[in-house]
């Protein structure tokens, strides 16, 4: 069972969340935790619970946006979507950073001093 769409859930901020339907805590993959914690209203103070409204988003599994085949699409919550896209976003950021640095070197950097 994954996080329910359009519902507010109680979570601990590390991926663990409380499933109201089954009264079990689940991990980030939706599996029941082996050591079940008490319900959120009786958790000890050391557990900082948070409440979040779950919104599902459509993720491209191969990060190729024109590929809209059903096998390439997945409905992920926002957290899982960001985790899935994290390495791709980091690679795109690095490329953009290097391109901007190169353009800066050509137009206003050390090459300008030689002219």
C-alpha atoms as a PDB file:
ATOM      1  CA  UNK A   1       0.000   0.000   0.000  1.00  0.00           C
ATOM      2  CA  UNK A   2       1.357   3.383  -0.975  1.00  0.00           C
ATOM      3  CA  UNK A   3       0.481   6.781   0.435  1.00  0.00           C
ATOM      4  CA  UNK A   4      -3.173   7.661  -0.213  1.00  0.00           C
ATOM      5  CA  UNK A   5      -3.810  10.463  -2.692  1.00  0.00           C
ATOM      6  CA  UNK A   6      -5.507  13.663  -1.468  1.00  0.00           C
ATOM      7  CA  UNK A   7      -5.458  12.602   2.193  1.00  0.00           C
ATOM      8  CA  UNK A   8      -3.621  14.134   5.100  1.00  0.00           C
ATOM      9  CA  UNK A   9      -1.251  11.654   6.709  1.00  0.00           C
ATOM     10  CA  UNK A  10       0.835  11.660   9.856  1.00  0.00           C
ATOM     11  CA  UNK A  11       4.535  11.000   9.241  1.00  0.00           C
ATOM     12  CA  UNK A  12       7.827  11.194  11.079  1.00  0.00           C
ATOM     13  CA  UNK A  13       9.818  13.029   8.384  1.00  0.00           C
ATOM     14  CA  UNK A  14      12.070  10.056   7.599  1.00  0.00           C
ATOM     15  CA  UNK A  15       9.655   8.202   5.317  1.00  0.00           C
ATOM     16  CA  UNK A  16       7.643   6.420   8.008  1.00  0.00           C
ATOM     17  CA  UNK A  17       3.940   7.233   7.934  1.00  0.00           C
ATOM     18  CA  UNK A  18       0.803   6.074   9.727  1.00  0.00           C
ATOM     19  CA  UNK A  19      -1.845   4.185   7.750  1.00  0.00           C
ATOM     20  CA  UNK A  20      -5.248   4.963   9.267  1.00  0.00           C
ATOM     21  CA  UNK A  21      -7.032   2.149   7.411  1.00  0.00           C
ATOM     22  CA  UNK A  22      -4.908  -0.639   8.902  1.00  0.00           C
ATOM     23  CA  UNK A  23      -3.636   1.200  12.001  1.00  0.00           C
ATOM     24  CA  UNK A  24      -0.019   0.374  11.149  1.00  0.00           C
ATOM     25  CA  UNK A  25       3.086   2.446  10.605  1.00  0.00           C
ATOM     26  CA  UNK A  26       4.594   1.955   7.155  1.00  0.00           C
ATOM     27  CA  UNK A  27       8.035   2.664   5.719  1.00  0.00           C
ATOM     28  CA  UNK A  28       8.759   4.787   2.650  1.00  0.00           C
ATOM     29  CA  UNK A  29       7.962   1.846   0.351  1.00  0.00           C
ATOM     30  CA  UNK A  30       4.559   1.262   1.937  1.00  0.00           C
ATOM     31  CA  UNK A  31       5.529  -1.922   3.790  1.00  0.00           C
ATOM     32  CA  UNK A  32       4.423  -2.461   7.377  1.00  0.00           C
ATOM     33  CA  UNK A  33       7.134  -1.800   9.933  1.00  0.00           C
ATOM     34  CA  UNK A  34       8.282  -4.889  11.827  1.00  0.00           C
ATOM     35  CA  UNK A  35       8.308  -3.072  15.133  1.00  0.00           C
ATOM     36  CA  UNK A  36       4.988  -1.281  15.222  1.00  0.00           C
ATOM     37  CA  UNK A  37       5.019   2.085  16.966  1.00  0.00           C
ATOM     38  CA  UNK A  38       1.968   3.225  18.914  1.00  0.00           C
ATOM     39  CA  UNK A  39      -0.667   5.370  17.212  1.00  0.00           C
ATOM     40  CA  UNK A  40       0.347   8.990  16.552  1.00  0.00           C
ATOM     41  CA  UNK A  41      -1.769  10.380  19.379  1.00  0.00           C
ATOM     42  CA  UNK A  42       0.099   8.288  21.998  1.00  0.00           C
ATOM     43  CA  UNK A  43       3.629   8.523  20.581  1.00  0.00           C
ATOM     44  CA  UNK A  44       6.343   9.685  23.008  1.00  0.00           C
ATOM     45  CA  UNK A  45       7.483  13.311  22.709  1.00  0.00           C
ATOM     46  CA  UNK A  46      10.807  12.299  21.086  1.00  0.00           C
ATOM     47  CA  UNK A  47       8.904  11.460  17.880  1.00  0.00           C
ATOM     48  CA  UNK A  48       8.184  14.728  16.112  1.00  0.00           C
ATOM     49  CA  UNK A  49       5.107  13.962  14.052  1.00  0.00           C
ATOM     50  CA  UNK A  50       4.144  16.046  11.055  1.00  0.00           C
ATOM     51  CA  UNK A  51       1.016  16.151   8.962  1.00  0.00           C
ATOM     52  CA  UNK A  52       1.172  16.395   5.182  1.00  0.00           C
ATOM     53  CA  UNK A  53      -1.446  16.307   2.465  1.00  0.00           C
ATOM     54  CA  UNK A  54      -0.440  13.741  -0.150  1.00  0.00           C
ATOM     55  CA  UNK A  55      -0.545  14.808  -3.801  1.00  0.00           C
ATOM     56  CA  UNK A  56       0.330  12.313  -6.475  1.00  0.00           C
ATOM     57  CA  UNK A  57       2.312  13.395  -9.506  1.00  0.00           C
ATOM     58  CA  UNK A  58       3.046  11.656 -12.780  1.00  0.00           C
ATOM     59  CA  UNK A  59       6.724  10.728 -13.094  1.00  0.00           C
ATOM     60  CA  UNK A  60       8.572   9.728 -16.257  1.00  0.00           C
ATOM     61  CA  UNK A  61      10.635   6.720 -15.223  1.00  0.00           C
ATOM     62  CA  UNK A  62      13.302   7.235 -17.909  1.00  0.00           C
ATOM     63  CA  UNK A  63      13.337  11.064 -17.485  1.00  0.00           C
ATOM     64  CA  UNK A  64      12.506  11.433 -21.196  1.00  0.00           C
ATOM     65  CA  UNK A  65       9.424  13.654 -21.278  1.00  0.00           C
ATOM     66  CA  UNK A  66       8.220  12.936 -24.842  1.00  0.00           C
ATOM     67  CA  UNK A  67       8.004   9.221 -23.929  1.00  0.00           C
ATOM     68  CA  UNK A  68       4.434   9.071 -22.594  1.00  0.00           C
ATOM     69  CA  UNK A  69       3.886   5.329 -22.849  1.00  0.00           C
ATOM     70  CA  UNK A  70       2.023   3.777 -19.916  1.00  0.00           C
ATOM     71  CA  UNK A  71       5.027   1.603 -19.010  1.00  0.00           C
ATOM     72  CA  UNK A  72       7.160   4.748 -18.622  1.00  0.00           C
ATOM     73  CA  UNK A  73       4.769   6.615 -16.315  1.00  0.00           C
ATOM     74  CA  UNK A  74       4.225   6.149 -12.578  1.00  0.00           C
ATOM     75  CA  UNK A  75       2.034   7.923 -10.033  1.00  0.00           C
ATOM     76  CA  UNK A  76       4.346   8.961  -7.196  1.00  0.00           C
ATOM     77  CA  UNK A  77       3.787  11.160  -4.164  1.00  0.00           C
ATOM     78  CA  UNK A  78       5.748  14.403  -4.163  1.00  0.00           C
ATOM     79  CA  UNK A  79       8.492  13.065  -1.891  1.00  0.00           C
ATOM     80  CA  UNK A  80       9.021   9.891  -3.936  1.00  0.00           C
ATOM     81  CA  UNK A  81       8.939  11.932  -7.158  1.00  0.00           C
ATOM     82  CA  UNK A  82      11.701  14.243  -5.892  1.00  0.00           C
ATOM     83  CA  UNK A  83      13.785  11.271  -4.721  1.00  0.00           C
ATOM     84  CA  UNK A  84      13.327   9.596  -8.124  1.00  0.00           C
ATOM     85  CA  UNK A  85      14.264  12.765 -10.043  1.00  0.00           C
ATOM     86  CA  UNK A  86      17.086  13.822  -7.675  1.00  0.00           C
ATOM     87  CA  UNK A  87      20.069  12.390  -9.611  1.00  0.00           C
ATOM     88  CA  UNK A  88      18.635  13.706 -12.897  1.00  0.00           C
ATOM     89  CA  UNK A  89      18.120  17.215 -11.439  1.00  0.00           C
ATOM     90  CA  UNK A  90      21.640  17.203 -10.022  1.00  0.00           C
ATOM     91  CA  UNK A  91      23.129  16.266 -13.411  1.00  0.00           C
ATOM     92  CA  UNK A  92      21.097  18.977 -15.183  1.00  0.00           C
ATOM     93  CA  UNK A  93      22.160  21.539 -12.546  1.00  0.00           C
ATOM     94  CA  UNK A  94      25.830  20.663 -13.076  1.00  0.00           C
ATOM     95  CA  UNK A  95      25.545  21.053 -16.842  1.00  0.00           C
ATOM     96  CA  UNK A  96      23.804  24.423 -16.457  1.00  0.00           C
ATOM     97  CA  UNK A  97      26.414  25.601 -13.938  1.00  0.00           C
ATOM     98  CA  UNK A  98      29.320  24.625 -16.186  1.00  0.00           C
ATOM     99  CA  UNK A  99      27.719  26.289 -19.232  1.00  0.00           C
ATOM    100  CA  UNK A 100      27.155  29.546 -17.339  1.00  0.00           C
ATOM    101  CA  UNK A 101      30.711  29.500 -15.986  1.00  0.00           C
ATOM    102  CA  UNK A 102      32.094  28.943 -19.485  1.00  0.00           C
ATOM    103  CA  UNK A 103      30.048  31.797 -20.942  1.00  0.00           C
ATOM    104  CA  UNK A 104      31.194  34.009 -18.061  1.00  0.00           C
ATOM    105  CA  UNK A 105      34.824  33.146 -18.783  1.00  0.00           C
ATOM    106  CA  UNK A 106      34.382  33.986 -22.461  1.00  0.00           C
ATOM    107  CA  UNK A 107      32.525  37.265 -22.009  1.00  0.00           C
ATOM    108  CA  UNK A 108      33.790  38.742 -18.783  1.00  0.00           C
ATOM    109  CA  UNK A 109      36.444  36.493 -17.328  1.00  0.00           C
ATOM    110  CA  UNK A 110      40.161  36.062 -17.783  1.00  0.00           C
ATOM    111  CA  UNK A 111      39.904  36.045 -21.615  1.00  0.00           C
ATOM    112  CA  UNK A 112      38.759  39.649 -21.569  1.00  0.00           C
ATOM    113  CA  UNK A 113      42.036  40.703 -19.937  1.00  0.00           C
ATOM    114  CA  UNK A 114      44.026  39.346 -22.902  1.00  0.00           C
ATOM    115  CA  UNK A 115      42.296  41.587 -25.440  1.00  0.00           C
END
